[in-house]
Amino acid sequence: MTNPTCHESLPRQIYLTSLQLQIHADKGLQPFGITLEQLRPLKLLSAAGGAVGQRQLSEMANKTPANMTRILDRLAAKGLVERQPDPEDRRAFTVVLTTDGKDMVSKAESLFSAYLQQVLTGISEQEEKVCRTVLDTIMMNLAGLEKE
């Protein structure tokens, strides 16, 4: 089978690959009623011990505060997170992962473990390492552009 993106620029090929990864991940998450965008804050909360300030969570997820508010509204409506007032700042909230949210993260991790194995089939550890190095370099170059 011929690769349809082989004649694309490298940034375009990265974009198209990322888009396909997201589409397939979202399909896998459909039975759980969440999207990949909604899963990210849940995983970040889980890794941070289950509770993080909303502003800090926005920064960790690289989302604007308005975008994070929208995502958290949806997660709260599904009972996966709760917002609790910050005792030190009346305008701020701490986002807390609920028991259902913890269960969701666990289910998603199982799903993505198998998904990742399938996606990386045929890629050696050395090839993965080179790919990570190249992507890290691109990210650093992009960060340098932002400073100009």
N, C-alpha and C. Protein backbone atom coordinates (compact mmCIF):
# COMPACT_ATOMS: atom_id res chain seq x y z
N MET A 1 0.85 -1.18 0.00
CA MET A 1 0.00 0.00 0.00
C MET A 1 0.89 1.24 0.00
N THR A 2 0.59 2.18 -0.83
CA THR A 2 1.35 3.42 -0.93
C THR A 2 0.90 4.38 0.16
N ASN A 3 1.88 5.05 0.78
CA ASN A 3 1.58 6.02 1.82
C ASN A 3 1.08 7.31 1.17
N PRO A 4 -0.17 7.71 1.43
CA PRO A 4 -0.71 8.91 0.77
C PRO A 4 -0.06 10.21 1.25
N THR A 5 0.67 10.17 2.37
CA THR A 5 1.27 11.41 2.87
C THR A 5 2.75 11.52 2.55
N CYS A 6 3.31 10.56 1.81
CA CYS A 6 4.76 10.54 1.58
C CYS A 6 5.25 11.75 0.79
N HIS A 7 4.38 12.41 0.06
CA HIS A 7 4.79 13.58 -0.72
C HIS A 7 4.45 14.89 -0.01
N GLU A 8 3.94 14.80 1.18
CA GLU A 8 3.60 15.99 1.97
C GLU A 8 4.85 16.51 2.68
N SER A 9 4.83 17.77 3.08
CA SER A 9 5.93 18.29 3.90
C SER A 9 5.90 17.58 5.25
N LEU A 10 7.02 17.57 5.94
CA LEU A 10 7.08 16.90 7.24
C LEU A 10 6.07 17.49 8.23
N PRO A 11 5.97 18.82 8.36
CA PRO A 11 4.95 19.35 9.28
C PRO A 11 3.53 18.91 8.91
N ARG A 12 3.24 18.87 7.62
CA ARG A 12 1.90 18.43 7.19
C ARG A 12 1.69 16.96 7.52
N GLN A 13 2.72 16.15 7.32
CA GLN A 13 2.61 14.72 7.62
C GLN A 13 2.41 14.50 9.13
N ILE A 14 3.11 15.29 9.94
CA ILE A 14 2.93 15.20 11.39
C ILE A 14 1.49 15.57 11.76
N TYR A 15 0.99 16.64 11.15
CA TYR A 15 -0.37 17.08 11.41
C TYR A 15 -1.38 15.99 11.03
N LEU A 16 -1.24 15.43 9.83
CA LEU A 16 -2.18 14.40 9.36
C LEU A 16 -2.13 13.16 10.25
N THR A 17 -0.94 12.78 10.68
CA THR A 17 -0.79 11.64 11.58
C THR A 17 -1.46 11.93 12.92
N SER A 18 -1.23 13.11 13.44
CA SER A 18 -1.84 13.51 14.71
C SER A 18 -3.36 13.50 14.61
N LEU A 19 -3.87 14.00 13.50
CA LEU A 19 -5.31 14.03 13.28
C LEU A 19 -5.88 12.61 13.27
N GLN A 20 -5.23 11.70 12.58
CA GLN A 20 -5.70 10.31 12.54
C GLN A 20 -5.63 9.65 13.92
N LEU A 21 -4.58 9.93 14.67
CA LEU A 21 -4.47 9.40 16.03
C LEU A 21 -5.64 9.88 16.87
N GLN A 22 -5.97 11.17 16.75
CA GLN A 22 -7.07 11.72 17.53
C GLN A 22 -8.41 11.13 17.10
N ILE A 23 -8.63 10.99 15.82
CA ILE A 23 -9.89 10.42 15.32
C ILE A 23 -10.07 9.00 15.85
N HIS A 24 -9.02 8.18 15.77
CA HIS A 24 -9.13 6.80 16.25
C HIS A 24 -9.28 6.73 17.77
N ALA A 25 -8.58 7.60 18.48
CA ALA A 25 -8.71 7.62 19.94
C ALA A 25 -10.12 8.04 20.35
N ASP A 26 -10.66 9.05 19.69
CA ASP A 26 -12.03 9.48 20.01
C ASP A 26 -13.05 8.37 19.73
N LYS A 27 -12.82 7.61 18.66
CA LYS A 27 -13.72 6.48 18.38
C LYS A 27 -13.64 5.45 19.50
N GLY A 28 -12.44 5.19 19.97
CA GLY A 28 -12.27 4.23 21.07
C GLY A 28 -12.91 4.70 22.36
N LEU A 29 -12.96 6.01 22.56
CA LEU A 29 -13.54 6.57 23.79
C LEU A 29 -15.06 6.76 23.71
N GLN A 30 -15.64 6.64 22.53
CA GLN A 30 -17.09 6.85 22.38
C GLN A 30 -17.93 6.03 23.36
N PRO A 31 -17.62 4.75 23.57
CA PRO A 31 -18.44 3.99 24.52
C PRO A 31 -18.40 4.54 25.95
N PHE A 32 -17.36 5.31 26.27
CA PHE A 32 -17.24 5.88 27.61
C PHE A 32 -17.89 7.26 27.71
N GLY A 33 -18.30 7.81 26.57
CA GLY A 33 -18.98 9.10 26.56
C GLY A 33 -18.09 10.30 26.76
N ILE A 34 -16.79 10.15 26.48
CA ILE A 34 -15.88 11.29 26.57
C ILE A 34 -15.01 11.36 25.32
N THR A 35 -14.35 12.49 25.17
CA THR A 35 -13.44 12.69 24.04
C THR A 35 -12.00 12.69 24.56
N LEU A 36 -11.08 12.62 23.63
CA LEU A 36 -9.67 12.68 23.98
C LEU A 36 -9.35 14.00 24.68
N GLU A 37 -9.96 15.09 24.21
CA GLU A 37 -9.75 16.40 24.83
C GLU A 37 -10.23 16.40 26.28
N GLN A 38 -11.29 15.68 26.57
CA GLN A 38 -11.82 15.61 27.94
C GLN A 38 -11.00 14.65 28.80
N LEU A 39 -10.40 13.65 28.18
CA LEU A 39 -9.60 12.69 28.93
C LEU A 39 -8.32 13.31 29.48
N ARG A 40 -7.73 14.23 28.74
CA ARG A 40 -6.45 14.82 29.14
C ARG A 40 -6.50 15.43 30.55
N PRO A 41 -7.47 16.29 30.88
CA PRO A 41 -7.50 16.83 32.25
C PRO A 41 -7.72 15.74 33.30
N LEU A 42 -8.49 14.71 32.96
CA LEU A 42 -8.71 13.62 33.91
C LEU A 42 -7.39 12.92 34.22
N LYS A 43 -6.60 12.65 33.18
CA LYS A 43 -5.30 12.00 33.38
C LYS A 43 -4.35 12.90 34.16
N LEU A 44 -4.36 14.20 33.85
CA LEU A 44 -3.51 15.14 34.58
C LEU A 44 -3.90 15.21 36.05
N LEU A 45 -5.20 15.24 36.32
CA LEU A 45 -5.67 15.24 37.71
C LEU A 45 -5.25 13.98 38.43
N SER A 46 -5.39 12.85 37.77
CA SER A 46 -5.00 11.58 38.37
C SER A 46 -3.51 11.57 38.71
N ALA A 47 -2.69 12.03 37.78
CA ALA A 47 -1.24 12.05 37.99
C ALA A 47 -0.85 13.02 39.10
N ALA A 48 -1.67 14.05 39.32
CA ALA A 48 -1.37 15.06 40.34
C ALA A 48 -1.99 14.73 41.70
N GLY A 49 -2.51 13.54 41.84
CA GLY A 49 -3.08 13.14 43.13
C GLY A 49 -4.56 13.37 43.27
N GLY A 50 -5.22 13.79 42.19
CA GLY A 50 -6.68 13.89 42.21
C GLY A 50 -7.25 15.28 42.41
N ALA A 51 -6.40 16.28 42.70
CA ALA A 51 -6.91 17.63 42.90
C ALA A 51 -5.86 18.65 42.47
N VAL A 52 -6.31 19.63 41.67
CA VAL A 52 -5.42 20.68 41.17
C VAL A 52 -6.24 21.95 40.99
N GLY A 53 -5.61 23.09 41.17
CA GLY A 53 -6.29 24.35 40.91
C GLY A 53 -6.65 24.45 39.44
N GLN A 54 -7.80 25.07 39.15
CA GLN A 54 -8.27 25.14 37.77
C GLN A 54 -7.28 25.88 36.87
N ARG A 55 -6.70 26.96 37.36
CA ARG A 55 -5.73 27.71 36.56
C ARG A 55 -4.49 26.85 36.28
N GLN A 56 -4.02 26.14 37.29
CA GLN A 56 -2.86 25.26 37.12
C GLN A 56 -3.18 24.15 36.13
N LEU A 57 -4.38 23.59 36.20
CA LEU A 57 -4.78 22.53 35.29
C LEU A 57 -4.80 23.05 33.84
N SER A 58 -5.26 24.28 33.65
CA SER A 58 -5.24 24.89 32.31
C SER A 58 -3.83 24.95 31.77
N GLU A 59 -2.90 25.37 32.61
CA GLU A 59 -1.50 25.46 32.19
C GLU A 59 -0.92 24.09 31.89
N MET A 60 -1.22 23.12 32.74
CA MET A 60 -0.70 21.76 32.55
C MET A 60 -1.19 21.15 31.24
N ALA A 61 -2.42 21.48 30.87
CA ALA A 61 -3.04 20.92 29.66
C ALA A 61 -2.80 21.79 28.43
N ASN A 62 -2.11 22.91 28.60
CA ASN A 62 -1.88 23.86 27.51
C ASN A 62 -3.20 24.31 26.88
N LYS A 63 -4.15 24.64 27.74
CA LYS A 63 -5.46 25.13 27.30
C LYS A 63 -5.68 26.52 27.87
N THR A 64 -6.42 27.34 27.14
CA THR A 64 -6.78 28.65 27.68
C THR A 64 -7.74 28.43 28.85
N PRO A 65 -7.79 29.36 29.79
CA PRO A 65 -8.74 29.19 30.90
C PRO A 65 -10.18 29.04 30.41
N ALA A 66 -10.57 29.78 29.38
CA ALA A 66 -11.94 29.66 28.86
C ALA A 66 -12.20 28.27 28.28
N ASN A 67 -11.23 27.74 27.55
CA ASN A 67 -11.38 26.41 26.97
C ASN A 67 -11.43 25.36 28.08
N MET A 68 -10.59 25.50 29.10
CA MET A 68 -10.59 24.54 30.20
C MET A 68 -11.92 24.60 30.95
N THR A 69 -12.47 25.79 31.12
CA THR A 69 -13.77 25.93 31.79
C THR A 69 -14.83 25.14 31.04
N ARG A 70 -14.83 25.26 29.72
CA ARG A 70 -15.80 24.52 28.89
C ARG A 70 -15.64 23.01 29.06
N ILE A 71 -14.40 22.54 29.03
CA ILE A 71 -14.12 21.11 29.18
C ILE A 71 -14.57 20.64 30.58
N LEU A 72 -14.22 21.41 31.60
CA LEU A 72 -14.57 21.02 32.97
C LEU A 72 -16.07 21.06 33.20
N ASP A 73 -16.78 21.98 32.55
CA ASP A 73 -18.25 22.01 32.65
C ASP A 73 -18.82 20.68 32.18
N ARG A 74 -18.30 20.18 31.06
CA ARG A 74 -18.79 18.91 30.51
C ARG A 74 -18.43 17.73 31.42
N LEU A 75 -17.20 17.75 31.94
CA LEU A 75 -16.77 16.67 32.83
C LEU A 75 -17.56 16.69 34.14
N ALA A 76 -17.85 17.87 34.64
CA ALA A 76 -18.64 17.98 35.88
C ALA A 76 -20.07 17.49 35.65
N ALA A 77 -20.64 17.82 34.49
CA ALA A 77 -22.00 17.36 34.17
C ALA A 77 -22.06 15.83 34.09
N LYS A 78 -20.95 15.21 33.75
CA LYS A 78 -20.89 13.74 33.67
C LYS A 78 -20.49 13.12 35.01
N GLY A 79 -20.25 13.95 36.01
CA GLY A 79 -19.90 13.46 37.34
C GLY A 79 -18.47 12.96 37.46
N LEU A 80 -17.61 13.39 36.56
CA LEU A 80 -16.22 12.91 36.57
C LEU A 80 -15.28 13.82 37.35
N VAL A 81 -15.66 15.09 37.51
CA VAL A 81 -14.89 16.03 38.33
C VAL A 81 -15.87 16.89 39.13
N GLU A 82 -15.35 17.48 40.17
CA GLU A 82 -16.09 18.46 40.96
C GLU A 82 -15.21 19.69 41.13
N ARG A 83 -15.84 20.85 41.16
CA ARG A 83 -15.10 22.08 41.47
C ARG A 83 -15.39 22.44 42.92
N GLN A 84 -14.33 22.71 43.64
CA GLN A 84 -14.48 23.13 45.03
C GLN A 84 -13.85 24.50 45.19
N PRO A 85 -14.49 25.38 45.94
CA PRO A 85 -13.94 26.72 46.13
C PRO A 85 -12.55 26.65 46.76
N ASP A 86 -11.67 27.51 46.29
CA ASP A 86 -10.33 27.61 46.86
C ASP A 86 -10.46 28.46 48.13
N PRO A 87 -10.08 27.91 49.28
CA PRO A 87 -10.25 28.67 50.53
C PRO A 87 -9.39 29.94 50.59
N GLU A 88 -8.35 30.02 49.78
CA GLU A 88 -7.44 31.17 49.81
C GLU A 88 -7.78 32.23 48.77
N ASP A 89 -8.60 31.86 47.77
CA ASP A 89 -8.96 32.81 46.71
C ASP A 89 -10.40 32.53 46.29
N ARG A 90 -11.31 33.44 46.66
CA ARG A 90 -12.73 33.22 46.39
C ARG A 90 -13.05 33.11 44.91
N ARG A 91 -12.16 33.65 44.06
CA ARG A 91 -12.41 33.63 42.61
C ARG A 91 -11.91 32.34 41.97
N ALA A 92 -11.15 31.53 42.70
CA ALA A 92 -10.52 30.34 42.13
C ALA A 92 -11.21 29.07 42.62
N PHE A 93 -10.98 27.99 41.86
CA PHE A 93 -11.54 26.69 42.19
C PHE A 93 -10.45 25.63 42.15
N THR A 94 -10.62 24.63 42.98
CA THR A 94 -9.80 23.43 42.90
C THR A 94 -10.65 22.38 42.19
N VAL A 95 -10.06 21.72 41.20
CA VAL A 95 -10.77 20.67 40.47
C VAL A 95 -10.39 19.34 41.09
N VAL A 96 -11.41 18.57 41.45
CA VAL A 96 -11.21 17.29 42.13
C VAL A 96 -11.76 16.16 41.27
N LEU A 97 -10.96 15.13 41.11
CA LEU A 97 -11.37 13.94 40.36
C LEU A 97 -12.30 13.11 41.25
N THR A 98 -13.48 12.78 40.75
CA THR A 98 -14.44 11.97 41.51
C THR A 98 -14.07 10.49 41.38
N THR A 99 -14.76 9.67 42.13
CA THR A 99 -14.56 8.22 42.02
C THR A 99 -14.85 7.75 40.61
N ASP A 100 -15.93 8.26 40.01
CA ASP A 100 -16.25 7.91 38.62
C ASP A 100 -15.15 8.39 37.68
N GLY A 101 -14.57 9.56 37.97
CA GLY A 101 -13.47 10.07 37.16
C GLY A 101 -12.25 9.17 37.25
N LYS A 102 -11.95 8.69 38.45
CA LYS A 102 -10.83 7.76 38.63
C LYS A 102 -11.07 6.47 37.86
N ASP A 103 -12.30 5.97 37.91
CA ASP A 103 -12.65 4.77 37.15
C ASP A 103 -12.48 4.99 35.65
N MET A 104 -12.87 6.18 35.19
CA MET A 104 -12.75 6.51 33.77
C MET A 104 -11.28 6.50 33.33
N VAL A 105 -10.42 7.08 34.15
CA VAL A 105 -8.99 7.10 33.83
C VAL A 105 -8.45 5.68 33.75
N SER A 106 -8.85 4.84 34.67
CA SER A 106 -8.40 3.45 34.68
C SER A 106 -8.85 2.70 33.43
N LYS A 107 -10.12 2.88 33.05
CA LYS A 107 -10.65 2.24 31.85
C LYS A 107 -9.92 2.74 30.60
N ALA A 108 -9.70 4.05 30.54
CA ALA A 108 -9.04 4.65 29.38
C ALA A 108 -7.60 4.17 29.26
N GLU A 109 -6.91 4.04 30.40
CA GLU A 109 -5.54 3.55 30.36
C GLU A 109 -5.47 2.13 29.80
N SER A 110 -6.41 1.29 30.16
CA SER A 110 -6.46 -0.07 29.62
C SER A 110 -6.70 -0.03 28.11
N LEU A 111 -7.64 0.79 27.69
CA LEU A 111 -7.95 0.93 26.27
C LEU A 111 -6.73 1.41 25.49
N PHE A 112 -6.05 2.43 26.00
CA PHE A 112 -4.95 3.03 25.27
C PHE A 112 -3.68 2.18 25.31
N SER A 113 -3.57 1.31 26.27
CA SER A 113 -2.42 0.40 26.30
C SER A 113 -2.47 -0.50 25.06
N ALA A 114 -3.62 -1.06 24.79
CA ALA A 114 -3.78 -1.92 23.60
C ALA A 114 -3.69 -1.08 22.32
N TYR A 115 -4.27 0.11 22.34
CA TYR A 115 -4.26 1.00 21.18
C TYR A 115 -2.82 1.38 20.82
N LEU A 116 -2.04 1.72 21.83
CA LEU A 116 -0.66 2.12 21.60
C LEU A 116 0.17 0.98 21.02
N GLN A 117 -0.05 -0.22 21.52
CA GLN A 117 0.65 -1.39 20.96
C GLN A 117 0.35 -1.54 19.48
N GLN A 118 -0.91 -1.39 19.11
CA GLN A 118 -1.30 -1.53 17.71
C GLN A 118 -0.72 -0.42 16.86
N VAL A 119 -0.76 0.81 17.35
CA VAL A 119 -0.26 1.96 16.59
C VAL A 119 1.25 1.85 16.35
N LEU A 120 1.97 1.33 17.33
CA LEU A 120 3.43 1.26 17.23
C LEU A 120 3.94 -0.08 16.68
N THR A 121 3.05 -0.91 16.19
CA THR A 121 3.46 -2.18 15.59
C THR A 121 4.42 -1.92 14.43
N GLY A 122 5.54 -2.63 14.43
CA GLY A 122 6.51 -2.50 13.35
C GLY A 122 7.52 -1.37 13.56
N ILE A 123 7.45 -0.69 14.68
CA ILE A 123 8.38 0.39 14.98
C ILE A 123 9.30 -0.08 16.10
N SER A 124 10.59 -0.09 15.82
CA SER A 124 11.56 -0.55 16.82
C SER A 124 11.74 0.50 17.92
N GLU A 125 12.33 0.09 19.03
CA GLU A 125 12.63 1.03 20.11
C GLU A 125 13.54 2.15 19.61
N GLN A 126 14.51 1.79 18.77
CA GLN A 126 15.43 2.79 18.23
C GLN A 126 14.70 3.78 17.33
N GLU A 127 13.79 3.28 16.49
CA GLU A 127 13.01 4.18 15.62
C GLU A 127 12.13 5.11 16.46
N GLU A 128 11.53 4.56 17.51
CA GLU A 128 10.70 5.39 18.39
C GLU A 128 11.55 6.48 19.06
N LYS A 129 12.73 6.12 19.49
CA LYS A 129 13.64 7.08 20.14
C LYS A 129 14.02 8.19 19.16
N VAL A 130 14.34 7.83 17.93
CA VAL A 130 14.69 8.83 16.91
C VAL A 130 13.50 9.75 16.65
N CYS A 131 12.32 9.16 16.54
CA CYS A 131 11.11 9.95 16.29
C CYS A 131 10.88 10.94 17.42
N ARG A 132 11.02 10.48 18.67
CA ARG A 132 10.84 11.37 19.82
C ARG A 132 11.86 12.51 19.80
N THR A 133 13.10 12.18 19.45
CA THR A 133 14.15 13.20 19.38
C THR A 133 13.81 14.25 18.33
N VAL A 134 13.38 13.81 17.17
CA VAL A 134 13.02 14.73 16.09
C VAL A 134 11.84 15.61 16.52
N LEU A 135 10.82 15.01 17.10
CA LEU A 135 9.65 15.78 17.52
C LEU A 135 10.02 16.77 18.64
N ASP A 136 10.88 16.36 19.57
CA ASP A 136 11.34 17.28 20.62
C ASP A 136 12.09 18.46 20.01
N THR A 137 12.91 18.19 19.01
CA THR A 137 13.66 19.26 18.35
C THR A 137 12.72 20.22 17.65
N ILE A 138 11.71 19.70 16.97
CA ILE A 138 10.72 20.55 16.31
C ILE A 138 10.01 21.42 17.35
N MET A 139 9.63 20.83 18.49
CA MET A 139 8.96 21.60 19.54
C MET A 139 9.87 22.71 20.08
N MET A 140 11.14 22.43 20.28
CA MET A 140 12.08 23.45 20.74
C MET A 140 12.23 24.56 19.70
N ASN A 141 12.29 24.18 18.43
CA ASN A 141 12.38 25.17 17.36
C ASN A 141 11.14 26.06 17.33
N LEU A 142 9.99 25.46 17.53
CA LEU A 142 8.75 26.24 17.56
C LEU A 142 8.72 27.18 18.77
N ALA A 143 9.21 26.71 19.90
CA ALA A 143 9.29 27.56 21.09
C ALA A 143 10.21 28.75 20.81
N GLY A 144 11.27 28.51 20.07
CA GLY A 144 12.18 29.60 19.71
C GLY A 144 11.53 30.62 18.80
N LEU A 145 10.66 30.18 17.93
CA LEU A 145 9.92 31.09 17.05
C LEU A 145 8.99 32.01 17.83
N GLU A 146 8.42 31.49 18.91
CA GLU A 146 7.50 32.27 19.72
C GLU A 146 8.21 33.43 20.42
N LYS A 147 9.51 33.27 20.66
CA LYS A 147 10.27 34.29 21.36
C LYS A 147 10.72 35.41 20.43
N GLU A 148 10.68 35.16 19.13
CA GLU A 148 11.13 36.16 18.16
C GLU A 148 10.13 37.27 17.95
